[in-house]
Protein backbone atom coordinates (compact mmCIF):
# COMPACT_ATOMS: atom_id res chain seq x y z
CA MET A 1 -7.29 -13.51 -22.46
CA ALA A 2 -6.30 -13.29 -26.12
CA ILE A 3 -9.24 -11.06 -26.98
CA ALA A 4 -8.37 -8.65 -24.17
CA ALA A 5 -4.73 -8.57 -25.28
CA VAL A 6 -5.72 -7.74 -28.86
CA LEU A 7 -8.12 -5.02 -27.67
CA VAL A 8 -5.52 -3.21 -25.53
CA LEU A 9 -2.56 -3.72 -27.86
CA PRO A 10 -3.15 -0.48 -29.82
CA PHE A 11 -3.15 1.52 -26.58
CA GLY A 12 0.08 -0.12 -25.46
CA VAL A 13 1.77 0.52 -28.79
CA ALA A 14 0.57 4.13 -28.72
CA GLN A 15 2.06 4.57 -25.24
CA ALA A 16 5.29 2.57 -25.52
CA GLY A 17 5.88 2.63 -29.26
CA THR A 18 7.39 -0.31 -31.06
CA ALA A 19 9.47 -1.24 -27.98
CA LEU A 20 6.39 -3.11 -26.81
CA LEU A 21 6.65 -5.43 -29.79
CA THR A 22 10.18 -6.71 -29.12
CA PRO A 23 10.40 -10.49 -28.81
CA SER A 24 11.59 -10.43 -25.19
CA ILE A 25 8.65 -8.25 -24.10
CA LEU A 26 6.16 -10.37 -26.04
CA THR A 27 7.61 -13.56 -24.53
CA SER A 28 7.40 -12.10 -21.04
CA ALA A 29 3.81 -10.99 -21.62
CA LEU A 30 2.87 -14.45 -22.87
CA LEU A 31 4.45 -16.13 -19.83
CA VAL A 32 2.76 -13.74 -17.41
CA GLY A 33 -0.57 -14.40 -19.12
CA LEU A 34 -0.13 -18.15 -18.93
CA PHE A 35 1.05 -18.28 -15.33
CA SER A 36 -1.42 -15.75 -13.98
CA SER A 37 -4.64 -16.96 -15.54
CA ALA A 38 -4.49 -19.93 -17.91
CA LEU A 39 -2.48 -22.28 -15.69
CA PRO A 40 -4.43 -21.60 -12.47
CA PHE A 41 -7.73 -22.00 -14.31
CA TRP A 42 -6.61 -25.30 -15.82
CA LEU A 43 -5.41 -26.56 -12.43
CA GLU A 44 -8.76 -25.66 -10.85
CA MET A 45 -10.61 -27.58 -13.55
CA VAL A 46 -8.37 -30.61 -13.00
CA ALA A 47 -8.99 -30.40 -9.24
CA LEU A 48 -12.73 -30.09 -9.79
CA THR A 49 -12.81 -33.33 -11.76
CA ARG A 50 -10.88 -35.19 -9.06
CA MET A 51 -12.67 -34.13 -5.88
CA PRO A 52 -16.25 -33.78 -4.76
CA ALA A 53 -17.89 -30.45 -5.59
CA ARG A 54 -18.61 -29.79 -1.92
CA ILE A 55 -14.93 -29.99 -0.95
CA TYR A 56 -13.88 -27.98 -3.99
CA GLY A 57 -16.43 -25.29 -3.12
CA THR A 58 -15.27 -25.16 0.47
CA LEU A 59 -11.64 -24.74 -0.58
CA THR A 60 -12.34 -22.10 -3.22
CA CYS A 61 -14.44 -20.04 -0.80
CA LEU A 62 -11.23 -19.37 1.09
CA GLU A 63 -9.54 -17.69 -1.91
CA PRO A 64 -10.57 -14.07 -1.13
CA GLY A 65 -9.35 -14.37 2.44
CA LEU A 66 -6.07 -15.97 1.39
CA GLY A 67 -5.55 -13.26 -1.21
CA ALA A 68 -6.11 -10.57 1.41
CA LEU A 69 -3.77 -12.36 3.81
CA ALA A 70 -1.07 -12.61 1.14
CA GLY A 71 -1.45 -8.90 0.40
CA PHE A 72 -1.10 -8.12 4.09
CA LEU A 73 1.91 -10.37 4.67
CA PHE A 74 3.92 -9.83 1.50
CA LEU A 75 2.85 -6.40 0.26
CA HIS A 76 2.07 -4.80 3.62
CA GLU A 77 -1.37 -3.75 2.43
CA SER A 78 -4.12 -3.07 4.91
CA LEU A 79 -7.85 -3.30 4.37
CA THR A 80 -10.58 -1.11 5.76
CA PRO A 81 -13.20 -2.65 8.03
CA THR A 82 -15.70 -2.42 5.18
CA GLN A 83 -13.40 -4.37 2.87
CA LEU A 84 -12.80 -6.99 5.56
CA ALA A 85 -16.56 -7.30 6.08
CA GLY A 86 -17.02 -7.76 2.34
CA ILE A 87 -14.44 -10.53 2.22
CA ALA A 88 -16.04 -12.18 5.26
CA ALA A 89 -19.46 -11.99 3.57
CA VAL A 90 -18.14 -13.60 0.37
CA ILE A 91 -16.43 -16.37 2.33
CA ALA A 92 -19.52 -16.98 4.48
CA ALA A 93 -21.83 -17.11 1.46
CA ALA A 94 -19.58 -19.47 -0.48
CA PHE A 95 -19.01 -21.64 2.58
CA GLY A 96 -22.74 -21.78 3.32
CA THR A 97 -23.51 -22.71 -0.26
CA ALA A 98 -20.89 -25.44 -0.24
CA LEU A 99 -22.17 -26.89 3.03
CA THR A 100 -25.87 -26.83 2.15
CA SER A 101 -25.57 -28.10 -1.41
CA ARG A 102 -27.33 -31.34 -2.06
CA PRO A 103 -25.67 -34.24 -3.82
CA PRO A 104 -26.68 -34.61 -7.47
CA VAL A 105 -29.73 -36.72 -8.17
CA PRO A 106 -28.79 -39.77 -10.24
CA SER A 107 -30.42 -39.83 -13.64
CA PRO A 108 -32.91 -42.64 -14.25
CA GLU A 109 -31.72 -45.34 -16.59
């Protein structure tokens, strides 16, 4: 996240000028970055350590469908049949992988 921010900063400053560098804008950008990527990633890693991988995989395979549903309900977006088929394929593949995964083999002592 930090590398991407540094890479696009010159383009933002060129477009918005020094207004982009005001403390309130920088604080807002930092908060958006934390709450949109860092915090969810950290929470997923915490969940992964506390539940079996099979259950975690089954729950995370539902994310594309839930994202599409949220877009439909809250943003009134609609998807084409091809997009819906793509989401269904991703969910089916992830669900199948989660269901057919074998438990880890214990290491010999």
